[in-house]
Amino acid sequence: MSQNDLVYSTDGGRIPAQKAQLARPKTDGIIRIRRETKGRKGKGVTTLSGMDMDATQIKALCTELKKMCGTGGAIKDAVIEIQGDNRDKIKLVLEKRGYTVKLAGG
């Protein structure tokens, strides 16, 4: 429940609900690239997490990576998912742009 349960007041009429601000998770600035298959019926997906960017920058980066890899992808909870195993290509591109990158997982 929200902290303000007041819906109507005789002073000003209907009170609009306050929108909750979505807080970005704090990261260390290192982009971690991993390959995942769990929960995807065996299909491999490359995920990027730990980006210290806002939503529009993440969306622009996702679009660029999808075009570069020639595959589809999505953004879920500030994690970029690119279809297929494209870890090496993505790592080279991100390092050229000046990001700190680690290959995570096995």
PDB file of N, CA and C in Angstrom:
ATOM      1  N   MET A   1       0.842  -1.178   0.000  1.00  0.00           N
ATOM      2  CA  MET A   1       0.000   0.000   0.000  1.00  0.00           C
ATOM      3  C   MET A   1       0.883   1.237   0.000  1.00  0.00           C
ATOM      4  N   SER A   2       0.338   2.287  -0.522  1.00  0.00           N
ATOM      5  CA  SER A   2       1.093   3.532  -0.520  1.00  0.00           C
ATOM      6  C   SER A   2       1.022   4.182   0.862  1.00  0.00           C
ATOM      7  N   GLN A   3       1.885   5.137   1.071  1.00  0.00           N
ATOM      8  CA  GLN A   3       1.921   5.806   2.361  1.00  0.00           C
ATOM      9  C   GLN A   3       0.763   6.777   2.514  1.00  0.00           C
ATOM     10  N   ASN A   4       0.214   7.245   1.403  1.00  0.00           N
ATOM     11  CA  ASN A   4      -0.882   8.199   1.448  1.00  0.00           C
ATOM     12  C   ASN A   4      -2.149   7.506   0.953  1.00  0.00           C
ATOM     13  N   ASP A   5      -3.029   7.119   1.868  1.00  0.00           N
ATOM     14  CA  ASP A   5      -4.264   6.440   1.512  1.00  0.00           C
ATOM     15  C   ASP A   5      -5.407   7.410   1.251  1.00  0.00           C
ATOM     16  N   LEU A   6      -5.159   8.714   1.351  1.00  0.00           N
ATOM     17  CA  LEU A   6      -6.177   9.721   1.152  1.00  0.00           C
ATOM     18  C   LEU A   6      -6.541   9.812  -0.329  1.00  0.00           C
ATOM     19  N   VAL A   7      -7.823   9.672  -0.654  1.00  0.00           N
ATOM     20  CA  VAL A   7      -8.276   9.709  -2.033  1.00  0.00           C
ATOM     21  C   VAL A   7      -9.035  10.991  -2.328  1.00  0.00           C
ATOM     22  N   TYR A   8      -9.747  11.519  -1.340  1.00  0.00           N
ATOM     23  CA  TYR A   8     -10.576  12.699  -1.568  1.00  0.00           C
ATOM     24  C   TYR A   8     -10.490  13.608  -0.348  1.00  0.00           C
ATOM     25  N   SER A   9     -10.424  14.890  -0.616  1.00  0.00           N
ATOM     26  CA  SER A   9     -10.381  15.860   0.466  1.00  0.00           C
ATOM     27  C   SER A   9     -11.392  16.959   0.162  1.00  0.00           C
ATOM     28  N   THR A  10     -12.046  17.466   1.201  1.00  0.00           N
ATOM     29  CA  THR A  10     -13.015  18.534   0.986  1.00  0.00           C
ATOM     30  C   THR A  10     -12.332  19.848   0.631  1.00  0.00           C
ATOM     31  N   ASP A  11     -11.048  19.998   0.913  1.00  0.00           N
ATOM     32  CA  ASP A  11     -10.323  21.218   0.573  1.00  0.00           C
ATOM     33  C   ASP A  11     -10.077  21.347  -0.927  1.00  0.00           C
ATOM     34  N   GLY A  12      -9.590  20.264  -1.557  1.00  0.00           N
ATOM     35  CA  GLY A  12      -9.183  20.382  -2.954  1.00  0.00           C
ATOM     36  C   GLY A  12      -9.834  19.385  -3.883  1.00  0.00           C
ATOM     37  N   GLY A  13     -10.730  18.571  -3.397  1.00  0.00           N
ATOM     38  CA  GLY A  13     -11.369  17.586  -4.262  1.00  0.00           C
ATOM     39  C   GLY A  13     -10.526  16.326  -4.363  1.00  0.00           C
ATOM     40  N   ARG A  14     -10.593  15.690  -5.509  1.00  0.00           N
ATOM     41  CA  ARG A  14      -9.884  14.426  -5.722  1.00  0.00           C
ATOM     42  C   ARG A  14      -8.378  14.678  -5.707  1.00  0.00           C
ATOM     43  N   ILE A  15      -7.671  13.819  -5.003  1.00  0.00           N
ATOM     44  CA  ILE A  15      -6.224  13.934  -4.877  1.00  0.00           C
ATOM     45  C   ILE A  15      -5.587  12.883  -5.785  1.00  0.00           C
ATOM     46  N   PRO A  16      -4.713  13.316  -6.713  1.00  0.00           N
ATOM     47  CA  PRO A  16      -4.074  12.338  -7.607  1.00  0.00           C
ATOM     48  C   PRO A  16      -3.092  11.457  -6.845  1.00  0.00           C
ATOM     49  N   ALA A  17      -2.997  10.228  -7.280  1.00  0.00           N
ATOM     50  CA  ALA A  17      -2.077   9.296  -6.643  1.00  0.00           C
ATOM     51  C   ALA A  17      -0.646   9.684  -6.980  1.00  0.00           C
ATOM     52  N   GLN A  18       0.237   9.543  -6.003  1.00  0.00           N
ATOM     53  CA  GLN A  18       1.638   9.852  -6.224  1.00  0.00           C
ATOM     54  C   GLN A  18       2.302   8.679  -6.920  1.00  0.00           C
ATOM     55  N   LYS A  19       3.053   8.981  -7.962  1.00  0.00           N
ATOM     56  CA  LYS A  19       3.727   7.921  -8.706  1.00  0.00           C
ATOM     57  C   LYS A  19       5.054   7.596  -8.032  1.00  0.00           C
ATOM     58  N   ALA A  20       5.282   6.319  -7.869  1.00  0.00           N
ATOM     59  CA  ALA A  20       6.518   5.879  -7.231  1.00  0.00           C
ATOM     60  C   ALA A  20       7.671   6.020  -8.218  1.00  0.00           C
ATOM     61  N   GLN A  21       8.774   6.555  -7.746  1.00  0.00           N
ATOM     62  CA  GLN A  21       9.970   6.696  -8.557  1.00  0.00           C
ATOM     63  C   GLN A  21      10.701   5.353  -8.563  1.00  0.00           C
ATOM     64  N   LEU A  22      11.038   4.869  -9.753  1.00  0.00           N
ATOM     65  CA  LEU A  22      11.792   3.638  -9.844  1.00  0.00           C
ATOM     66  C   LEU A  22      13.273   3.955  -9.629  1.00  0.00           C
ATOM     67  N   ALA A  23      13.844   3.378  -8.618  1.00  0.00           N
ATOM     68  CA  ALA A  23      15.248   3.621  -8.308  1.00  0.00           C
ATOM     69  C   ALA A  23      16.116   2.641  -9.085  1.00  0.00           C
ATOM     70  N   ARG A  24      17.149   3.173  -9.724  1.00  0.00           N
ATOM     71  CA  ARG A  24      18.079   2.310 -10.427  1.00  0.00           C
ATOM     72  C   ARG A  24      18.952   1.589  -9.415  1.00  0.00           C
ATOM     73  N   PRO A  25      19.240   0.342  -9.667  1.00  0.00           N
ATOM     74  CA  PRO A  25      20.125  -0.361  -8.748  1.00  0.00           C
ATOM     75  C   PRO A  25      21.548   0.188  -8.851  1.00  0.00           C
ATOM     76  N   LYS A  26      22.223   0.301  -7.713  1.00  0.00           N
ATOM     77  CA  LYS A  26      23.606   0.770  -7.693  1.00  0.00           C
ATOM     78  C   LYS A  26      24.500  -0.315  -8.273  1.00  0.00           C
ATOM     79  N   THR A  27      25.417   0.079  -9.134  1.00  0.00           N
ATOM     80  CA  THR A  27      26.335  -0.872  -9.731  1.00  0.00           C
ATOM     81  C   THR A  27      27.760  -0.380  -9.538  1.00  0.00           C
ATOM     82  N   ASP A  28      28.716  -1.264  -9.789  1.00  0.00           N
ATOM     83  CA  ASP A  28      30.114  -0.886  -9.671  1.00  0.00           C
ATOM     84  C   ASP A  28      30.679  -0.378 -10.986  1.00  0.00           C
ATOM     85  N   GLY A  29      29.862  -0.314 -12.034  1.00  0.00           N
ATOM     86  CA  GLY A  29      30.292   0.223 -13.315  1.00  0.00           C
ATOM     87  C   GLY A  29      30.921  -0.806 -14.229  1.00  0.00           C
ATOM     88  N   ILE A  30      31.041  -2.039 -13.791  1.00  0.00           N
ATOM     89  CA  ILE A  30      31.606  -3.099 -14.620  1.00  0.00           C
ATOM     90  C   ILE A  30      30.460  -3.827 -15.301  1.00  0.00           C
ATOM     91  N   ILE A  31      30.516  -3.897 -16.626  1.00  0.00           N
ATOM     92  CA  ILE A  31      29.478  -4.594 -17.377  1.00  0.00           C
ATOM     93  C   ILE A  31      29.850  -6.074 -17.410  1.00  0.00           C
ATOM     94  N   ARG A  32      28.944  -6.910 -16.930  1.00  0.00           N
ATOM     95  CA  ARG A  32      29.174  -8.354 -16.910  1.00  0.00           C
ATOM     96  C   ARG A  32      28.387  -9.002 -18.039  1.00  0.00           C
ATOM     97  N   ILE A  33      29.106  -9.757 -18.848  1.00  0.00           N
ATOM     98  CA  ILE A  33      28.500 -10.442 -19.997  1.00  0.00           C
ATOM     99  C   ILE A  33      28.489 -11.927 -19.674  1.00  0.00           C
ATOM    100  N   ARG A  34      27.316 -12.531 -19.758  1.00  0.00           N
ATOM    101  CA  ARG A  34      27.223 -13.966 -19.499  1.00  0.00           C
ATOM    102  C   ARG A  34      26.279 -14.612 -20.502  1.00  0.00           C
ATOM    103  N   ARG A  35      26.453 -15.909 -20.663  1.00  0.00           N
ATOM    104  CA  ARG A  35      25.581 -16.688 -21.544  1.00  0.00           C
ATOM    105  C   ARG A  35      24.657 -17.504 -20.657  1.00  0.00           C
ATOM    106  N   GLU A  36      23.360 -17.416 -20.931  1.00  0.00           N
ATOM    107  CA  GLU A  36      22.376 -18.132 -20.120  1.00  0.00           C
ATOM    108  C   GLU A  36      21.484 -18.975 -21.021  1.00  0.00           C
ATOM    109  N   THR A  37      21.089 -20.132 -20.499  1.00  0.00           N
ATOM    110  CA  THR A  37      20.121 -20.980 -21.199  1.00  0.00           C
ATOM    111  C   THR A  37      18.981 -21.382 -20.286  1.00  0.00           C
ATOM    112  N   LYS A  38      19.120 -21.147 -19.002  1.00  0.00           N
ATOM    113  CA  LYS A  38      18.128 -21.586 -18.032  1.00  0.00           C
ATOM    114  C   LYS A  38      16.793 -20.872 -18.253  1.00  0.00           C
ATOM    115  N   GLY A  39      15.722 -21.636 -18.337  1.00  0.00           N
ATOM    116  CA  GLY A  39      14.385 -21.073 -18.488  1.00  0.00           C
ATOM    117  C   GLY A  39      14.069 -20.635 -19.902  1.00  0.00           C
ATOM    118  N   ARG A  40      14.921 -21.019 -20.863  1.00  0.00           N
ATOM    119  CA  ARG A  40      14.713 -20.592 -22.248  1.00  0.00           C
ATOM    120  C   ARG A  40      14.648 -21.780 -23.196  1.00  0.00           C
ATOM    121  N   LYS A  41      14.278 -22.939 -22.680  1.00  0.00           N
ATOM    122  CA  LYS A  41      14.127 -24.161 -23.460  1.00  0.00           C
ATOM    123  C   LYS A  41      15.400 -24.506 -24.238  1.00  0.00           C
ATOM    124  N   GLY A  42      16.561 -24.283 -23.609  1.00  0.00           N
ATOM    125  CA  GLY A  42      17.831 -24.643 -24.215  1.00  0.00           C
ATOM    126  C   GLY A  42      18.411 -23.614 -25.157  1.00  0.00           C
ATOM    127  N   LYS A  43      17.684 -22.573 -25.454  1.00  0.00           N
ATOM    128  CA  LYS A  43      18.177 -21.527 -26.356  1.00  0.00           C
ATOM    129  C   LYS A  43      19.159 -20.639 -25.602  1.00  0.00           C
ATOM    130  N   GLY A  44      20.289 -20.350 -26.202  1.00  0.00           N
ATOM    131  CA  GLY A  44      21.299 -19.525 -25.564  1.00  0.00           C
ATOM    132  C   GLY A  44      21.004 -18.044 -25.733  1.00  0.00           C
ATOM    133  N   VAL A  45      21.242 -17.281 -24.684  1.00  0.00           N
ATOM    134  CA  VAL A  45      21.027 -15.838 -24.687  1.00  0.00           C
ATOM    135  C   VAL A  45      22.234 -15.195 -24.010  1.00  0.00           C
ATOM    136  N   THR A  46      22.742 -14.119 -24.593  1.00  0.00           N
ATOM    137  CA  THR A  46      23.819 -13.359 -23.987  1.00  0.00           C
ATOM    138  C   THR A  46      23.202 -12.224 -23.187  1.00  0.00           C
ATOM    139  N   THR A  47      23.530 -12.125 -21.899  1.00  0.00           N
ATOM    140  CA  THR A  47      22.960 -11.078 -21.058  1.00  0.00           C
ATOM    141  C   THR A  47      24.059 -10.117 -20.615  1.00  0.00           C
ATOM    142  N   LEU A  48      23.705  -8.840 -20.553  1.00  0.00           N
ATOM    143  CA  LEU A  48      24.606  -7.791 -20.089  1.00  0.00           C
ATOM    144  C   LEU A  48      23.971  -7.143 -18.879  1.00  0.00           C
ATOM    145  N   SER A  49      24.696  -7.093 -17.771  1.00  0.00           N
ATOM    146  CA  SER A  49      24.171  -6.470 -16.565  1.00  0.00           C
ATOM    147  C   SER A  49      25.253  -5.613 -15.924  1.00  0.00           C
ATOM    148  N   GLY A  50      24.850  -4.774 -14.981  1.00  0.00           N
ATOM    149  CA  GLY A  50      25.789  -3.935 -14.258  1.00  0.00           C
ATOM    150  C   GLY A  50      26.090  -2.617 -14.936  1.00  0.00           C
ATOM    151  N   MET A  51      25.236  -2.199 -15.857  1.00  0.00           N
ATOM    152  CA  MET A  51      25.476  -0.950 -16.576  1.00  0.00           C
ATOM    153  C   MET A  51      25.037   0.226 -15.724  1.00  0.00           C
ATOM    154  N   ASP A  52      25.888   1.228 -15.618  1.00  0.00           N
ATOM    155  CA  ASP A  52      25.579   2.416 -14.834  1.00  0.00           C
ATOM    156  C   ASP A  52      25.073   3.501 -15.789  1.00  0.00           C
ATOM    157  N   MET A  53      23.869   3.269 -16.347  1.00  0.00           N
ATOM    158  CA  MET A  53      23.268   4.174 -17.328  1.00  0.00           C
ATOM    159  C   MET A  53      21.795   4.346 -17.003  1.00  0.00           C
ATOM    160  N   ASP A  54      21.194   5.362 -17.604  1.00  0.00           N
ATOM    161  CA  ASP A  54      19.751   5.500 -17.443  1.00  0.00           C
ATOM    162  C   ASP A  54      19.052   4.690 -18.531  1.00  0.00           C
ATOM    163  N   ALA A  55      17.731   4.649 -18.474  1.00  0.00           N
ATOM    164  CA  ALA A  55      16.950   3.771 -19.342  1.00  0.00           C
ATOM    165  C   ALA A  55      17.125   4.090 -20.827  1.00  0.00           C
ATOM    166  N   THR A  56      17.219   5.368 -21.185  1.00  0.00           N
ATOM    167  CA  THR A  56      17.353   5.710 -22.605  1.00  0.00           C
ATOM    168  C   THR A  56      18.717   5.288 -23.147  1.00  0.00           C
ATOM    169  N   GLN A  57      19.767   5.409 -22.338  1.00  0.00           N
ATOM    170  CA  GLN A  57      21.087   4.977 -22.783  1.00  0.00           C
ATOM    171  C   GLN A  57      21.146   3.463 -22.927  1.00  0.00           C
ATOM    172  N   ILE A  58      20.498   2.743 -22.022  1.00  0.00           N
ATOM    173  CA  ILE A  58      20.473   1.281 -22.104  1.00  0.00           C
ATOM    174  C   ILE A  58      19.730   0.851 -23.361  1.00  0.00           C
ATOM    175  N   LYS A  59      18.622   1.528 -23.660  1.00  0.00           N
ATOM    176  CA  LYS A  59      17.847   1.187 -24.851  1.00  0.00           C
ATOM    177  C   LYS A  59      18.660   1.449 -26.120  1.00  0.00           C
ATOM    178  N   ALA A  60      19.386   2.564 -26.171  1.00  0.00           N
ATOM    179  CA  ALA A  60      20.203   2.870 -27.337  1.00  0.00           C
ATOM    180  C   ALA A  60      21.330   1.848 -27.501  1.00  0.00           C
ATOM    181  N   LEU A  61      21.949   1.448 -26.394  1.00  0.00           N
ATOM    182  CA  LEU A  61      23.004   0.445 -26.448  1.00  0.00           C
ATOM    183  C   LEU A  61      22.458  -0.894 -26.920  1.00  0.00           C
ATOM    184  N   CYS A  62      21.295  -1.276 -26.436  1.00  0.00           N
ATOM    185  CA  CYS A  62      20.664  -2.530 -26.848  1.00  0.00           C
ATOM    186  C   CYS A  62      20.386  -2.526 -28.351  1.00  0.00           C
ATOM    187  N   THR A  63      19.869  -1.429 -28.859  1.00  0.00           N
ATOM    188  CA  THR A  63      19.569  -1.321 -30.283  1.00  0.00           C
ATOM    189  C   THR A  63      20.848  -1.461 -31.104  1.00  0.00           C
ATOM    190  N   GLU A  64      21.906  -0.796 -30.678  1.00  0.00           N
ATOM    191  CA  GLU A  64      23.177  -0.867 -31.401  1.00  0.00           C
ATOM    192  C   GLU A  64      23.741  -2.284 -31.405  1.00  0.00           C
ATOM    193  N   LEU A  65      23.679  -2.967 -30.247  1.00  0.00           N
ATOM    194  CA  LEU A  65      24.212  -4.325 -30.155  1.00  0.00           C
ATOM    195  C   LEU A  65      23.404  -5.308 -30.989  1.00  0.00           C
ATOM    196  N   LYS A  66      22.090  -5.129 -31.021  1.00  0.00           N
ATOM    197  CA  LYS A  66      21.255  -6.011 -31.843  1.00  0.00           C
ATOM    198  C   LYS A  66      21.594  -5.856 -33.317  1.00  0.00           C
ATOM    199  N   LYS A  67      21.806  -4.620 -33.763  1.00  0.00           N
ATOM    200  CA  LYS A  67      22.160  -4.392 -35.170  1.00  0.00           C
ATOM    201  C   LYS A  67      23.532  -4.968 -35.484  1.00  0.00           C
ATOM    202  N   MET A  68      24.470  -4.801 -34.565  1.00  0.00           N
ATOM    203  CA  MET A  68      25.822  -5.282 -34.781  1.00  0.00           C
ATOM    204  C   MET A  68      25.872  -6.810 -34.847  1.00  0.00           C
ATOM    205  N   CYS A  69      25.085  -7.476 -33.995  1.00  0.00           N
ATOM    206  CA  CYS A  69      25.074  -8.940 -33.969  1.00  0.00           C
ATOM    207  C   CYS A  69      24.133  -9.534 -35.017  1.00  0.00           C
ATOM    208  N   GLY A  70      23.199  -8.742 -35.510  1.00  0.00           N
ATOM    209  CA  GLY A  70      22.238  -9.253 -36.488  1.00  0.00           C
ATOM    210  C   GLY A  70      21.220 -10.188 -35.869  1.00  0.00           C
ATOM    211  N   THR A  71      20.885  -9.964 -34.599  1.00  0.00           N
ATOM    212  CA  THR A  71      19.928 -10.818 -33.903  1.00  0.00           C
ATOM    213  C   THR A  71      18.910  -9.969 -33.164  1.00  0.00           C
ATOM    214  N   GLY A  72      17.976 -10.633 -32.534  1.00  0.00           N
ATOM    215  CA  GLY A  72      16.981  -9.942 -31.727  1.00  0.00           C
ATOM    216  C   GLY A  72      17.452  -9.805 -30.298  1.00  0.00           C
ATOM    217  N   GLY A  73      16.666  -9.120 -29.510  1.00  0.00           N
ATOM    218  CA  GLY A  73      17.010  -8.940 -28.110  1.00  0.00           C
ATOM    219  C   GLY A  73      15.941  -8.152 -27.391  1.00  0.00           C
ATOM    220  N   ALA A  74      16.166  -7.950 -26.098  1.00  0.00           N
ATOM    221  CA  ALA A  74      15.198  -7.234 -25.271  1.00  0.00           C
ATOM    222  C   ALA A  74      15.895  -6.676 -24.047  1.00  0.00           C
ATOM    223  N   ILE A  75      15.172  -5.796 -23.345  1.00  0.00           N
ATOM    224  CA  ILE A  75      15.641  -5.254 -22.082  1.00  0.00           C
ATOM    225  C   ILE A  75      14.650  -5.664 -21.007  1.00  0.00           C
ATOM    226  N   LYS A  76      15.135  -6.314 -19.969  1.00  0.00           N
ATOM    227  CA  LYS A  76      14.289  -6.733 -18.860  1.00  0.00           C
ATOM    228  C   LYS A  76      14.970  -6.365 -17.556  1.00  0.00           C
ATOM    229  N   ASP A  77      14.360  -5.480 -16.791  1.00  0.00           N
ATOM    230  CA  ASP A  77      14.887  -5.053 -15.488  1.00  0.00           C
ATOM    231  C   ASP A  77      16.330  -4.565 -15.584  1.00  0.00           C
ATOM    232  N   ALA A  78      16.604  -3.677 -16.518  1.00  0.00           N
ATOM    233  CA  ALA A  78      17.927  -3.071 -16.738  1.00  0.00           C
ATOM    234  C   ALA A  78      18.983  -4.103 -17.115  1.00  0.00           C
ATOM    235  N   VAL A  79      18.568  -5.247 -17.657  1.00  0.00           N
ATOM    236  CA  VAL A  79      19.477  -6.266 -18.159  1.00  0.00           C
ATOM    237  C   VAL A  79      19.186  -6.433 -19.647  1.00  0.00           C
ATOM    238  N   ILE A  80      20.225  -6.294 -20.467  1.00  0.00           N
ATOM    239  CA  ILE A  80      20.066  -6.447 -21.910  1.00  0.00           C
ATOM    240  C   ILE A  80      20.222  -7.926 -22.247  1.00  0.00           C
ATOM    241  N   GLU A  81      19.275  -8.458 -23.025  1.00  0.00           N
ATOM    242  CA  GLU A  81      19.343  -9.840 -23.491  1.00  0.00           C
ATOM    243  C   GLU A  81      19.477  -9.818 -24.999  1.00  0.00           C
ATOM    244  N   ILE A  82      20.535 -10.438 -25.510  1.00  0.00           N
ATOM    245  CA  ILE A  82      20.774 -10.552 -26.943  1.00  0.00           C
ATOM    246  C   ILE A  82      20.718 -12.031 -27.292  1.00  0.00           C
ATOM    247  N   GLN A  83      19.962 -12.384 -28.321  1.00  0.00           N
ATOM    248  CA  GLN A  83      19.803 -13.786 -28.685  1.00  0.00           C
ATOM    249  C   GLN A  83      21.101 -14.352 -29.236  1.00  0.00           C
ATOM    250  N   GLY A  84      21.401 -15.583 -28.843  1.00  0.00           N
ATOM    251  CA  GLY A  84      22.594 -16.268 -29.334  1.00  0.00           C
ATOM    252  C   GLY A  84      23.804 -16.006 -28.453  1.00  0.00           C
ATOM    253  N   ASP A  85      24.908 -16.689 -28.801  1.00  0.00           N
ATOM    254  CA  ASP A  85      26.153 -16.543 -28.056  1.00  0.00           C
ATOM    255  C   ASP A  85      27.036 -15.536 -28.794  1.00  0.00           C
ATOM    256  N   ASN A  86      26.951 -14.275 -28.394  1.00  0.00           N
ATOM    257  CA  ASN A  86      27.690 -13.189 -29.032  1.00  0.00           C
ATOM    258  C   ASN A  86      28.613 -12.487 -28.049  1.00  0.00           C
ATOM    259  N   ARG A  87      29.107 -13.207 -27.057  1.00  0.00           N
ATOM    260  CA  ARG A  87      29.903 -12.587 -26.005  1.00  0.00           C
ATOM    261  C   ARG A  87      31.157 -11.905 -26.530  1.00  0.00           C
ATOM    262  N   ASP A  88      31.873 -12.567 -27.430  1.00  0.00           N
ATOM    263  CA  ASP A  88      33.142 -12.007 -27.906  1.00  0.00           C
ATOM    264  C   ASP A  88      32.930 -10.739 -28.723  1.00  0.00           C
ATOM    265  N   LYS A  89      31.934 -10.734 -29.605  1.00  0.00           N
ATOM    266  CA  LYS A  89      31.634  -9.539 -30.411  1.00  0.00           C
ATOM    267  C   LYS A  89      31.244  -8.367 -29.521  1.00  0.00           C
ATOM    268  N   ILE A  90      30.375  -8.638 -28.565  1.00  0.00           N
ATOM    269  CA  ILE A  90      29.883  -7.584 -27.675  1.00  0.00           C
ATOM    270  C   ILE A  90      31.016  -7.039 -26.811  1.00  0.00           C
ATOM    271  N   LYS A  91      31.887  -7.923 -26.339  1.00  0.00           N
ATOM    272  CA  LYS A  91      32.995  -7.480 -25.504  1.00  0.00           C
ATOM    273  C   LYS A  91      33.914  -6.534 -26.278  1.00  0.00           C
ATOM    274  N   LEU A  92      34.229  -6.863 -27.523  1.00  0.00           N
ATOM    275  CA  LEU A  92      35.091  -5.997 -28.331  1.00  0.00           C
ATOM    276  C   LEU A  92      34.469  -4.624 -28.546  1.00  0.00           C
ATOM    277  N   VAL A  93      33.181  -4.595 -28.846  1.00  0.00           N
ATOM    278  CA  VAL A  93      32.502  -3.317 -29.103  1.00  0.00           C
ATOM    279  C   VAL A  93      32.477  -2.456 -27.845  1.00  0.00           C
ATOM    280  N   LEU A  94      32.153  -3.054 -26.706  1.00  0.00           N
ATOM    281  CA  LEU A  94      32.066  -2.284 -25.469  1.00  0.00           C
ATOM    282  C   LEU A  94      33.436  -1.783 -25.005  1.00  0.00           C
ATOM    283  N   GLU A  95      34.472  -2.583 -25.199  1.00  0.00           N
ATOM    284  CA  GLU A  95      35.810  -2.141 -24.822  1.00  0.00           C
ATOM    285  C   GLU A  95      36.272  -0.979 -25.704  1.00  0.00           C
ATOM    286  N   LYS A  96      35.909  -0.994 -26.991  1.00  0.00           N
ATOM    287  CA  LYS A  96      36.244   0.119 -27.878  1.00  0.00           C
ATOM    288  C   LYS A  96      35.546   1.402 -27.440  1.00  0.00           C
ATOM    289  N   ARG A  97      34.358   1.263 -26.848  1.00  0.00           N
ATOM    290  CA  ARG A  97      33.614   2.437 -26.369  1.00  0.00           C
ATOM    291  C   ARG A  97      34.109   2.911 -25.005  1.00  0.00           C
ATOM    292  N   GLY A  98      35.034   2.183 -24.386  1.00  0.00           N
ATOM    293  CA  GLY A  98      35.636   2.630 -23.138  1.00  0.00           C
ATOM    294  C   GLY A  98      35.020   2.069 -21.876  1.00  0.00           C
ATOM    295  N   TYR A  99      34.178   1.051 -21.983  1.00  0.00           N
ATOM    296  CA  TYR A  99      33.553   0.454 -20.806  1.00  0.00           C
ATOM    297  C   TYR A  99      34.458  -0.639 -20.236  1.00  0.00           C
ATOM    298  N   THR A 100      34.358  -0.869 -18.936  1.00  0.00           N
ATOM    299  CA  THR A 100      35.046  -1.976 -18.292  1.00  0.00           C
ATOM    300  C   THR A 100      34.140  -3.206 -18.411  1.00  0.00           C
ATOM    301  N   VAL A 101      34.662  -4.275 -18.986  1.00  0.00           N
ATOM    302  CA  VAL A 101      33.840  -5.448 -19.310  1.00  0.00           C
ATOM    303  C   VAL A 101      34.473  -6.701 -18.722  1.00  0.00           C
ATOM    304  N   LYS A 102      33.630  -7.588 -18.182  1.00  0.00           N
ATOM    305  CA  LYS A 102      34.077  -8.886 -17.700  1.00  0.00           C
ATOM    306  C   LYS A 102      33.169  -9.963 -18.285  1.00  0.00           C
ATOM    307  N   LEU A 103      33.775 -11.070 -18.681  1.00  0.00           N
ATOM    308  CA  LEU A 103      32.999 -12.229 -19.076  1.00  0.00           C
ATOM    309  C   LEU A 103      32.702 -13.017 -17.808  1.00  0.00           C
ATOM    310  N   ALA A 104      31.446 -13.158 -17.469  1.00  0.00           N
ATOM    311  CA  ALA A 104      31.045 -13.827 -16.227  1.00  0.00           C
ATOM    312  C   ALA A 104      30.470 -15.201 -16.559  1.00  0.00           C
ATOM    313  N   GLY A 105      30.503 -16.072 -15.599  1.00  0.00           N
ATOM    314  CA  GLY A 105      29.935 -17.408 -15.784  1.00  0.00           C
ATOM    315  C   GLY A 105      30.909 -18.339 -16.457  1.00  0.00           C
ATOM    316  N   GLY A 106      30.440 -19.547 -16.750  1.00  0.00           N
ATOM    317  CA  GLY A 106      31.309 -20.574 -17.333  1.00  0.00           C
ATOM    318  C   GLY A 106      31.339 -20.491 -18.768  1.00  0.00           C
TER     319      GLY A 106
END
